[in-house]
């Protein structure tokens, strides 16, 4: 998999439901909302842990090579 060092944006289900409830309660339709957790783990860390939690083999990420600007 590519981009193992890229961050993952996550949000807990309970937080998402609470946000949706407030939108409905306050009638805040026709707007765009962005919500995520404060921390953003690296893809390689998150998917490795998720795979192990599910009893699956962890994915392998491509090694990113630095490129020289000429």
C-alpha atoms as a PDB file:
ATOM      1  CA  UNK A   1       0.000   0.000   0.000  1.00  0.00           C
ATOM      2  CA  UNK A   2       1.241   3.514  -0.662  1.00  0.00           C
ATOM      3  CA  UNK A   3       1.528   6.472   1.715  1.00  0.00           C
ATOM      4  CA  UNK A   4       2.116   4.691   5.017  1.00  0.00           C
ATOM      5  CA  UNK A   5       3.318   7.958   6.540  1.00  0.00           C
ATOM      6  CA  UNK A   6       0.130   9.847   5.609  1.00  0.00           C
ATOM      7  CA  UNK A   7      -2.230  10.749   8.465  1.00  0.00           C
ATOM      8  CA  UNK A   8      -5.654   9.159   8.848  1.00  0.00           C
ATOM      9  CA  UNK A   9      -8.628  11.347   9.809  1.00  0.00           C
ATOM     10  CA  UNK A  10     -10.873   9.490  12.226  1.00  0.00           C
ATOM     11  CA  UNK A  11     -13.997  10.162  14.250  1.00  0.00           C
ATOM     12  CA  UNK A  12     -15.596   7.959  16.887  1.00  0.00           C
ATOM     13  CA  UNK A  13     -19.103   6.736  16.062  1.00  0.00           C
ATOM     14  CA  UNK A  14     -20.546   8.236  19.273  1.00  0.00           C
ATOM     15  CA  UNK A  15     -19.078  11.642  18.397  1.00  0.00           C
ATOM     16  CA  UNK A  16     -20.471  11.463  14.869  1.00  0.00           C
ATOM     17  CA  UNK A  17     -23.949  10.547  16.112  1.00  0.00           C
ATOM     18  CA  UNK A  18     -23.868  13.393  18.662  1.00  0.00           C
ATOM     19  CA  UNK A  19     -22.931  15.877  15.930  1.00  0.00           C
ATOM     20  CA  UNK A  20     -25.752  14.641  13.694  1.00  0.00           C
ATOM     21  CA  UNK A  21     -28.233  14.878  16.577  1.00  0.00           C
ATOM     22  CA  UNK A  22     -27.278  18.514  17.177  1.00  0.00           C
ATOM     23  CA  UNK A  23     -27.616  19.329  13.475  1.00  0.00           C
ATOM     24  CA  UNK A  24     -31.119  17.853  13.470  1.00  0.00           C
ATOM     25  CA  UNK A  25     -32.115  19.500  16.769  1.00  0.00           C
ATOM     26  CA  UNK A  26     -30.875  22.914  15.647  1.00  0.00           C
ATOM     27  CA  UNK A  27     -32.095  22.607  12.047  1.00  0.00           C
ATOM     28  CA  UNK A  28     -28.665  23.488  10.657  1.00  0.00           C
ATOM     29  CA  UNK A  29     -29.386  22.211   7.130  1.00  0.00           C
ATOM     30  CA  UNK A  30     -27.569  23.207   3.941  1.00  0.00           C
ATOM     31  CA  UNK A  31     -24.167  23.564   5.575  1.00  0.00           C
ATOM     32  CA  UNK A  32     -20.938  21.588   5.324  1.00  0.00           C
ATOM     33  CA  UNK A  33     -19.395  20.280   8.538  1.00  0.00           C
ATOM     34  CA  UNK A  34     -15.965  18.778   9.042  1.00  0.00           C
ATOM     35  CA  UNK A  35     -15.396  16.717  12.150  1.00  0.00           C
ATOM     36  CA  UNK A  36     -12.517  14.473  13.166  1.00  0.00           C
ATOM     37  CA  UNK A  37     -10.576  13.424  16.216  1.00  0.00           C
ATOM     38  CA  UNK A  38      -7.799  15.645  17.528  1.00  0.00           C
ATOM     39  CA  UNK A  39      -5.105  13.054  16.771  1.00  0.00           C
ATOM     40  CA  UNK A  40      -4.294  11.700  13.338  1.00  0.00           C
ATOM     41  CA  UNK A  41      -2.349   8.417  13.409  1.00  0.00           C
ATOM     42  CA  UNK A  42      -0.205   7.357  10.485  1.00  0.00           C
ATOM     43  CA  UNK A  43      -1.853   5.011   7.970  1.00  0.00           C
ATOM     44  CA  UNK A  44       0.744   2.304   8.645  1.00  0.00           C
ATOM     45  CA  UNK A  45       0.096   2.409  12.408  1.00  0.00           C
ATOM     46  CA  UNK A  46      -3.695   2.548  12.197  1.00  0.00           C
ATOM     47  CA  UNK A  47      -4.168  -0.188   9.593  1.00  0.00           C
ATOM     48  CA  UNK A  48      -1.586  -2.432  11.244  1.00  0.00           C
ATOM     49  CA  UNK A  49      -3.440  -2.246  14.575  1.00  0.00           C
ATOM     50  CA  UNK A  50      -6.856  -2.608  12.918  1.00  0.00           C
ATOM     51  CA  UNK A  51      -5.775  -5.709  10.995  1.00  0.00           C
ATOM     52  CA  UNK A  52      -4.359  -7.347  14.125  1.00  0.00           C
ATOM     53  CA  UNK A  53      -7.555  -6.533  16.068  1.00  0.00           C
ATOM     54  CA  UNK A  54      -9.560  -8.318  13.367  1.00  0.00           C
ATOM     55  CA  UNK A  55      -7.209 -11.308  13.255  1.00  0.00           C
ATOM     56  CA  UNK A  56      -5.955 -10.375   9.781  1.00  0.00           C
ATOM     57  CA  UNK A  57      -2.468 -10.062   8.398  1.00  0.00           C
ATOM     58  CA  UNK A  58      -1.283  -6.456   8.587  1.00  0.00           C
ATOM     59  CA  UNK A  59      -0.884  -4.679   5.252  1.00  0.00           C
ATOM     60  CA  UNK A  60       2.549  -3.928   3.893  1.00  0.00           C
ATOM     61  CA  UNK A  61       3.277  -0.347   2.942  1.00  0.00           C
ATOM     62  CA  UNK A  62       5.617   0.781   0.209  1.00  0.00           C
ATOM     63  CA  UNK A  63       8.880   2.252   1.381  1.00  0.00           C
ATOM     64  CA  UNK A  64       8.891   5.907   0.469  1.00  0.00           C
ATOM     65  CA  UNK A  65      12.142   7.026  -1.054  1.00  0.00           C
ATOM     66  CA  UNK A  66      13.313  10.589  -0.805  1.00  0.00           C
ATOM     67  CA  UNK A  67      13.658  12.333  -4.118  1.00  0.00           C
ATOM     68  CA  UNK A  68      16.309  14.865  -4.901  1.00  0.00           C
ATOM     69  CA  UNK A  69      15.273  18.162  -6.431  1.00  0.00           C
ATOM     70  CA  UNK A  70      17.493  19.122  -9.323  1.00  0.00           C
END
